[in-house]
Amino acid sequence: MTEVALGIDIGGTNTVLGFVDRNGKCLFEDTIKTQIHEDVDLFVKDIYEKVDKALKKINNIKLIGIGIGAPNGNFYTGTIENAPNLRWKGVIHLSDIFKKYFNLPVFLTNDANAAAIGEMIYGEAKGMK
């Protein structure tokens, strides 16, 4: 069974999500509109339903955790804090909401940091420190 992580990139307009294995290979990808969700709980529920459907279609994979890059994401608190390009205002405890639906480890960070880490591990910046 192939272990995968759910990677989520939350943007002001669209959110991209996908399953990635330990080698960085993307096994599934989907996109949802971020701005149509006035309620962050319904946003996470929509993602959960898409992921659940995909897990039922793809054989031999096991979801073991979730990584999220989000505007103004705070790695230490698991929150999005006053993101100017999102509808949800104030401090959003996003990691807790994802844990409620998925019951898996959830790691949230600033989207720019997530992009840099991805490039360092799998992309053009591989090997840089």
N, C-alpha and C. Protein backbone atom coordinates (compact mmCIF):
# COMPACT_ATOMS: atom_id res chain seq x y z
N MET A 1 0.84 -1.18 0.00
CA MET A 1 0.00 0.00 0.00
C MET A 1 0.89 1.24 0.00
N THR A 2 0.59 2.17 -0.87
CA THR A 2 1.35 3.41 -0.99
C THR A 2 0.82 4.45 -0.01
N GLU A 3 1.71 4.96 0.84
CA GLU A 3 1.32 6.02 1.76
C GLU A 3 1.43 7.36 1.05
N VAL A 4 0.40 8.18 1.21
CA VAL A 4 0.37 9.50 0.57
C VAL A 4 0.00 10.57 1.59
N ALA A 5 0.44 11.78 1.29
CA ALA A 5 0.01 12.96 2.04
C ALA A 5 -0.94 13.75 1.16
N LEU A 6 -1.86 14.41 1.78
CA LEU A 6 -2.74 15.34 1.07
C LEU A 6 -2.09 16.72 1.16
N GLY A 7 -1.70 17.25 0.02
CA GLY A 7 -1.15 18.59 -0.04
C GLY A 7 -2.23 19.56 -0.49
N ILE A 8 -2.33 20.69 0.19
CA ILE A 8 -3.36 21.68 -0.12
C ILE A 8 -2.71 23.05 -0.22
N ASP A 9 -2.96 23.73 -1.34
CA ASP A 9 -2.49 25.10 -1.55
C ASP A 9 -3.71 26.00 -1.63
N ILE A 10 -3.93 26.76 -0.56
CA ILE A 10 -5.10 27.64 -0.49
C ILE A 10 -4.73 28.99 -1.08
N GLY A 11 -5.43 29.37 -2.13
CA GLY A 11 -5.24 30.68 -2.75
C GLY A 11 -6.49 31.51 -2.62
N GLY A 12 -6.38 32.77 -2.91
CA GLY A 12 -7.53 33.67 -2.80
C GLY A 12 -8.65 33.33 -3.76
N THR A 13 -8.31 32.78 -4.92
CA THR A 13 -9.31 32.43 -5.92
C THR A 13 -9.57 30.93 -5.96
N ASN A 14 -8.51 30.15 -6.04
CA ASN A 14 -8.62 28.69 -6.14
C ASN A 14 -7.80 28.00 -5.06
N THR A 15 -8.21 26.79 -4.74
CA THR A 15 -7.46 25.92 -3.86
C THR A 15 -7.15 24.65 -4.64
N VAL A 16 -5.86 24.28 -4.64
CA VAL A 16 -5.42 23.07 -5.33
C VAL A 16 -5.08 22.04 -4.27
N LEU A 17 -5.53 20.80 -4.50
CA LEU A 17 -5.24 19.73 -3.57
C LEU A 17 -4.81 18.49 -4.33
N GLY A 18 -4.00 17.67 -3.68
CA GLY A 18 -3.55 16.46 -4.34
C GLY A 18 -2.91 15.48 -3.38
N PHE A 19 -2.82 14.23 -3.82
CA PHE A 19 -2.12 13.19 -3.08
C PHE A 19 -0.70 13.11 -3.61
N VAL A 20 0.27 13.11 -2.71
CA VAL A 20 1.67 13.03 -3.09
C VAL A 20 2.32 11.89 -2.31
N ASP A 21 3.08 11.04 -3.03
CA ASP A 21 3.76 9.95 -2.33
C ASP A 21 5.11 10.44 -1.78
N ARG A 22 5.85 9.54 -1.14
CA ARG A 22 7.11 9.92 -0.50
C ARG A 22 8.19 10.37 -1.48
N ASN A 23 8.03 10.06 -2.76
CA ASN A 23 8.98 10.48 -3.78
C ASN A 23 8.57 11.78 -4.46
N GLY A 24 7.46 12.36 -4.03
CA GLY A 24 6.99 13.61 -4.60
C GLY A 24 6.12 13.44 -5.83
N LYS A 25 5.76 12.20 -6.13
CA LYS A 25 4.90 11.93 -7.28
C LYS A 25 3.45 12.25 -6.92
N CYS A 26 2.81 13.05 -7.76
CA CYS A 26 1.41 13.41 -7.55
C CYS A 26 0.52 12.32 -8.13
N LEU A 27 -0.33 11.72 -7.29
CA LEU A 27 -1.19 10.62 -7.71
C LEU A 27 -2.63 11.06 -7.97
N PHE A 28 -2.96 12.27 -7.56
CA PHE A 28 -4.31 12.81 -7.74
C PHE A 28 -4.23 14.32 -7.57
N GLU A 29 -4.98 15.04 -8.37
CA GLU A 29 -5.03 16.50 -8.22
C GLU A 29 -6.43 16.99 -8.55
N ASP A 30 -6.86 18.00 -7.80
CA ASP A 30 -8.17 18.61 -8.04
C ASP A 30 -8.09 20.07 -7.62
N THR A 31 -9.05 20.84 -8.04
CA THR A 31 -9.12 22.26 -7.72
C THR A 31 -10.54 22.60 -7.30
N ILE A 32 -10.65 23.49 -6.31
CA ILE A 32 -11.96 24.02 -5.94
C ILE A 32 -11.85 25.54 -5.87
N LYS A 33 -12.97 26.20 -6.04
CA LYS A 33 -13.01 27.66 -5.91
C LYS A 33 -13.01 28.01 -4.42
N THR A 34 -12.06 28.81 -4.02
CA THR A 34 -11.96 29.21 -2.61
C THR A 34 -13.06 30.19 -2.24
N GLN A 35 -13.27 31.19 -3.06
CA GLN A 35 -14.13 32.32 -2.70
C GLN A 35 -15.62 31.99 -2.62
N ILE A 36 -16.05 30.85 -3.16
CA ILE A 36 -17.48 30.54 -3.07
C ILE A 36 -17.88 30.08 -1.67
N HIS A 37 -16.91 29.80 -0.83
CA HIS A 37 -17.18 29.28 0.51
C HIS A 37 -17.14 30.42 1.53
N GLU A 38 -18.31 30.90 1.92
CA GLU A 38 -18.38 31.95 2.95
C GLU A 38 -18.00 31.40 4.32
N ASP A 39 -18.28 30.13 4.54
CA ASP A 39 -18.02 29.47 5.82
C ASP A 39 -16.83 28.53 5.66
N VAL A 40 -15.79 28.73 6.47
CA VAL A 40 -14.58 27.91 6.35
C VAL A 40 -14.86 26.44 6.64
N ASP A 41 -15.81 26.15 7.51
CA ASP A 41 -16.16 24.76 7.82
C ASP A 41 -16.71 24.06 6.57
N LEU A 42 -17.53 24.77 5.80
CA LEU A 42 -18.07 24.19 4.56
C LEU A 42 -16.98 24.02 3.51
N PHE A 43 -15.99 24.90 3.52
CA PHE A 43 -14.83 24.77 2.64
C PHE A 43 -14.08 23.47 2.94
N VAL A 44 -13.81 23.21 4.21
CA VAL A 44 -13.10 21.99 4.59
C VAL A 44 -13.96 20.76 4.30
N LYS A 45 -15.25 20.86 4.54
CA LYS A 45 -16.16 19.75 4.24
C LYS A 45 -16.13 19.42 2.74
N ASP A 46 -16.10 20.44 1.90
CA ASP A 46 -16.03 20.23 0.45
C ASP A 46 -14.74 19.48 0.08
N ILE A 47 -13.63 19.89 0.67
CA ILE A 47 -12.36 19.21 0.43
C ILE A 47 -12.45 17.77 0.92
N TYR A 48 -13.00 17.56 2.11
CA TYR A 48 -13.13 16.21 2.66
C TYR A 48 -13.91 15.30 1.70
N GLU A 49 -15.01 15.81 1.17
CA GLU A 49 -15.84 15.00 0.27
C GLU A 49 -15.09 14.66 -1.02
N LYS A 50 -14.33 15.60 -1.57
CA LYS A 50 -13.54 15.33 -2.77
C LYS A 50 -12.46 14.29 -2.49
N VAL A 51 -11.81 14.41 -1.35
CA VAL A 51 -10.75 13.47 -0.98
C VAL A 51 -11.32 12.09 -0.74
N ASP A 52 -12.43 12.02 -0.03
CA ASP A 52 -13.07 10.73 0.24
C ASP A 52 -13.44 10.01 -1.06
N LYS A 53 -13.99 10.76 -1.99
CA LYS A 53 -14.36 10.20 -3.29
C LYS A 53 -13.13 9.69 -4.04
N ALA A 54 -12.05 10.47 -4.01
CA ALA A 54 -10.81 10.07 -4.69
C ALA A 54 -10.20 8.84 -4.05
N LEU A 55 -10.22 8.76 -2.72
CA LEU A 55 -9.66 7.60 -2.03
C LEU A 55 -10.40 6.32 -2.39
N LYS A 56 -11.68 6.43 -2.64
CA LYS A 56 -12.48 5.26 -3.01
C LYS A 56 -12.19 4.82 -4.45
N LYS A 57 -11.74 5.76 -5.30
CA LYS A 57 -11.46 5.44 -6.70
C LYS A 57 -10.05 4.88 -6.92
N ILE A 58 -9.10 5.37 -6.12
CA ILE A 58 -7.70 5.00 -6.32
C ILE A 58 -7.37 3.80 -5.43
N ASN A 59 -6.89 2.75 -6.04
CA ASN A 59 -6.56 1.53 -5.29
C ASN A 59 -5.21 1.64 -4.60
N ASN A 60 -5.12 0.99 -3.47
CA ASN A 60 -3.84 0.74 -2.81
C ASN A 60 -3.13 1.98 -2.29
N ILE A 61 -3.86 3.00 -1.83
CA ILE A 61 -3.20 4.14 -1.20
C ILE A 61 -3.79 4.36 0.19
N LYS A 62 -2.94 4.89 1.06
CA LYS A 62 -3.35 5.19 2.43
C LYS A 62 -2.96 6.63 2.74
N LEU A 63 -3.94 7.43 3.12
CA LEU A 63 -3.70 8.83 3.48
C LEU A 63 -3.17 8.88 4.91
N ILE A 64 -1.96 9.47 5.08
CA ILE A 64 -1.34 9.46 6.41
C ILE A 64 -1.19 10.85 7.04
N GLY A 65 -1.45 11.90 6.30
CA GLY A 65 -1.33 13.24 6.87
C GLY A 65 -1.68 14.30 5.85
N ILE A 66 -1.75 15.54 6.34
CA ILE A 66 -2.16 16.67 5.52
C ILE A 66 -1.19 17.83 5.72
N GLY A 67 -0.75 18.41 4.62
CA GLY A 67 0.07 19.61 4.64
C GLY A 67 -0.65 20.72 3.90
N ILE A 68 -0.71 21.89 4.52
CA ILE A 68 -1.46 23.01 3.96
C ILE A 68 -0.58 24.25 3.88
N GLY A 69 -0.57 24.87 2.71
CA GLY A 69 0.04 26.18 2.53
C GLY A 69 -1.08 27.19 2.38
N ALA A 70 -1.07 28.23 3.18
CA ALA A 70 -2.17 29.20 3.17
C ALA A 70 -1.63 30.61 3.40
N PRO A 71 -2.31 31.61 2.85
CA PRO A 71 -1.90 32.99 3.10
C PRO A 71 -1.97 33.30 4.60
N ASN A 72 -0.91 33.89 5.11
CA ASN A 72 -0.81 34.23 6.53
C ASN A 72 -0.95 33.01 7.43
N GLY A 73 -0.57 31.84 6.93
CA GLY A 73 -0.61 30.63 7.74
C GLY A 73 0.46 30.67 8.82
N ASN A 74 0.09 30.29 10.03
CA ASN A 74 1.01 30.27 11.16
C ASN A 74 1.31 28.82 11.52
N PHE A 75 2.53 28.38 11.26
CA PHE A 75 2.95 27.00 11.52
C PHE A 75 2.79 26.63 13.00
N TYR A 76 3.08 27.55 13.89
CA TYR A 76 3.11 27.25 15.32
C TYR A 76 1.72 27.10 15.93
N THR A 77 0.74 27.81 15.38
CA THR A 77 -0.61 27.76 15.96
C THR A 77 -1.60 26.99 15.09
N GLY A 78 -1.22 26.71 13.83
CA GLY A 78 -2.15 26.02 12.93
C GLY A 78 -3.30 26.90 12.48
N THR A 79 -3.05 28.21 12.48
CA THR A 79 -4.11 29.16 12.14
C THR A 79 -3.76 29.98 10.90
N ILE A 80 -4.81 30.50 10.27
CA ILE A 80 -4.67 31.56 9.28
C ILE A 80 -5.06 32.84 10.00
N GLU A 81 -4.20 33.84 9.91
CA GLU A 81 -4.41 35.05 10.70
C GLU A 81 -4.60 36.28 9.80
N ASN A 82 -5.84 36.73 9.72
CA ASN A 82 -6.17 37.98 9.02
C ASN A 82 -5.66 38.01 7.58
N ALA A 83 -5.90 36.95 6.84
CA ALA A 83 -5.46 36.90 5.44
C ALA A 83 -6.28 37.87 4.60
N PRO A 84 -5.64 38.83 3.95
CA PRO A 84 -6.39 39.85 3.22
C PRO A 84 -7.09 39.34 1.96
N ASN A 85 -6.64 38.22 1.40
CA ASN A 85 -7.22 37.74 0.15
C ASN A 85 -8.22 36.59 0.34
N LEU A 86 -8.60 36.32 1.58
CA LEU A 86 -9.59 35.28 1.86
C LEU A 86 -10.85 35.90 2.45
N ARG A 87 -11.97 35.25 2.25
CA ARG A 87 -13.26 35.75 2.78
C ARG A 87 -13.35 35.61 4.29
N TRP A 88 -12.66 34.62 4.83
CA TRP A 88 -12.77 34.34 6.26
C TRP A 88 -11.88 35.31 7.01
N LYS A 89 -12.47 36.09 7.87
CA LYS A 89 -11.75 37.16 8.56
C LYS A 89 -11.34 36.73 9.96
N GLY A 90 -10.33 37.40 10.48
CA GLY A 90 -9.85 37.13 11.82
C GLY A 90 -8.89 35.95 11.85
N VAL A 91 -8.84 35.30 13.00
CA VAL A 91 -7.96 34.15 13.19
C VAL A 91 -8.78 32.88 12.99
N ILE A 92 -8.40 32.08 12.00
CA ILE A 92 -9.12 30.86 11.65
C ILE A 92 -8.29 29.66 12.10
N HIS A 93 -8.85 28.84 12.96
CA HIS A 93 -8.15 27.65 13.47
C HIS A 93 -8.29 26.50 12.46
N LEU A 94 -7.64 26.68 11.31
CA LEU A 94 -7.83 25.77 10.18
C LEU A 94 -7.36 24.35 10.46
N SER A 95 -6.23 24.19 11.12
CA SER A 95 -5.73 22.84 11.42
C SER A 95 -6.75 22.06 12.24
N ASP A 96 -7.35 22.70 13.21
CA ASP A 96 -8.35 22.03 14.05
C ASP A 96 -9.57 21.60 13.24
N ILE A 97 -9.98 22.42 12.29
CA ILE A 97 -11.14 22.07 11.46
C ILE A 97 -10.81 20.87 10.58
N PHE A 98 -9.61 20.85 9.99
CA PHE A 98 -9.21 19.70 9.18
C PHE A 98 -9.10 18.43 10.03
N LYS A 99 -8.57 18.55 11.24
CA LYS A 99 -8.46 17.38 12.13
C LYS A 99 -9.84 16.82 12.47
N LYS A 100 -10.82 17.70 12.61
CA LYS A 100 -12.19 17.27 12.91
C LYS A 100 -12.73 16.37 11.80
N TYR A 101 -12.47 16.73 10.56
CA TYR A 101 -12.98 15.95 9.44
C TYR A 101 -12.13 14.72 9.12
N PHE A 102 -10.82 14.86 9.17
CA PHE A 102 -9.93 13.80 8.68
C PHE A 102 -9.35 12.91 9.78
N ASN A 103 -9.24 13.40 11.00
CA ASN A 103 -8.64 12.66 12.09
C ASN A 103 -7.23 12.17 11.73
N LEU A 104 -6.43 13.09 11.18
CA LEU A 104 -5.05 12.82 10.78
C LEU A 104 -4.16 13.98 11.23
N PRO A 105 -2.84 13.77 11.26
CA PRO A 105 -1.95 14.90 11.54
C PRO A 105 -2.10 15.97 10.46
N VAL A 106 -2.14 17.23 10.88
CA VAL A 106 -2.30 18.36 9.96
C VAL A 106 -1.20 19.37 10.25
N PHE A 107 -0.52 19.80 9.19
CA PHE A 107 0.54 20.80 9.31
C PHE A 107 0.21 21.95 8.37
N LEU A 108 0.14 23.15 8.93
CA LEU A 108 -0.19 24.34 8.16
C LEU A 108 0.98 25.31 8.23
N THR A 109 1.29 25.94 7.12
CA THR A 109 2.32 26.97 7.11
C THR A 109 1.95 28.05 6.10
N ASN A 110 2.71 29.11 6.12
CA ASN A 110 2.53 30.18 5.14
C ASN A 110 2.75 29.62 3.74
N ASP A 111 1.93 30.03 2.79
CA ASP A 111 2.02 29.46 1.44
C ASP A 111 3.37 29.72 0.76
N ALA A 112 3.98 30.86 1.03
CA ALA A 112 5.29 31.15 0.44
C ALA A 112 6.35 30.20 1.00
N ASN A 113 6.29 29.93 2.30
CA ASN A 113 7.23 28.98 2.90
C ASN A 113 7.02 27.58 2.35
N ALA A 114 5.76 27.18 2.18
CA ALA A 114 5.45 25.86 1.64
C ALA A 114 6.02 25.71 0.23
N ALA A 115 5.88 26.75 -0.59
CA ALA A 115 6.41 26.71 -1.95
C ALA A 115 7.93 26.58 -1.94
N ALA A 116 8.59 27.32 -1.07
CA ALA A 116 10.05 27.27 -0.98
C ALA A 116 10.53 25.89 -0.53
N ILE A 117 9.86 25.31 0.45
CA ILE A 117 10.23 23.97 0.93
C ILE A 117 10.03 22.94 -0.18
N GLY A 118 8.93 23.04 -0.90
CA GLY A 118 8.68 22.12 -2.01
C GLY A 118 9.76 22.21 -3.07
N GLU A 119 10.19 23.41 -3.39
CA GLU A 119 11.27 23.58 -4.38
C GLU A 119 12.58 23.01 -3.86
N MET A 120 12.85 23.18 -2.56
CA MET A 120 14.10 22.66 -1.98
C MET A 120 14.14 21.14 -1.97
N ILE A 121 13.00 20.50 -1.79
CA ILE A 121 12.97 19.04 -1.70
C ILE A 121 12.83 18.40 -3.07
N TYR A 122 11.95 18.95 -3.92
CA TYR A 122 11.62 18.27 -5.18
C TYR A 122 11.91 19.08 -6.44
N GLY A 123 12.15 20.38 -6.31
CA GLY A 123 12.20 21.23 -7.49
C GLY A 123 13.59 21.71 -7.87
N GLU A 124 13.61 22.87 -8.49
CA GLU A 124 14.85 23.45 -9.01
C GLU A 124 15.84 23.82 -7.90
N ALA A 125 15.39 24.01 -6.70
CA ALA A 125 16.28 24.38 -5.60
C ALA A 125 16.74 23.16 -4.80
N LYS A 126 16.57 21.98 -5.36
CA LYS A 126 16.95 20.74 -4.67
C LYS A 126 18.42 20.80 -4.27
N GLY A 127 18.68 20.50 -3.00
CA GLY A 127 20.04 20.51 -2.49
C GLY A 127 20.46 21.83 -1.87
N MET A 128 19.69 22.89 -2.05
CA MET A 128 20.03 24.18 -1.45
C MET A 128 19.64 24.19 0.02
N LYS A 129 20.30 25.04 0.79
CA LYS A 129 19.98 25.17 2.21
C LYS A 129 19.74 26.60 2.56
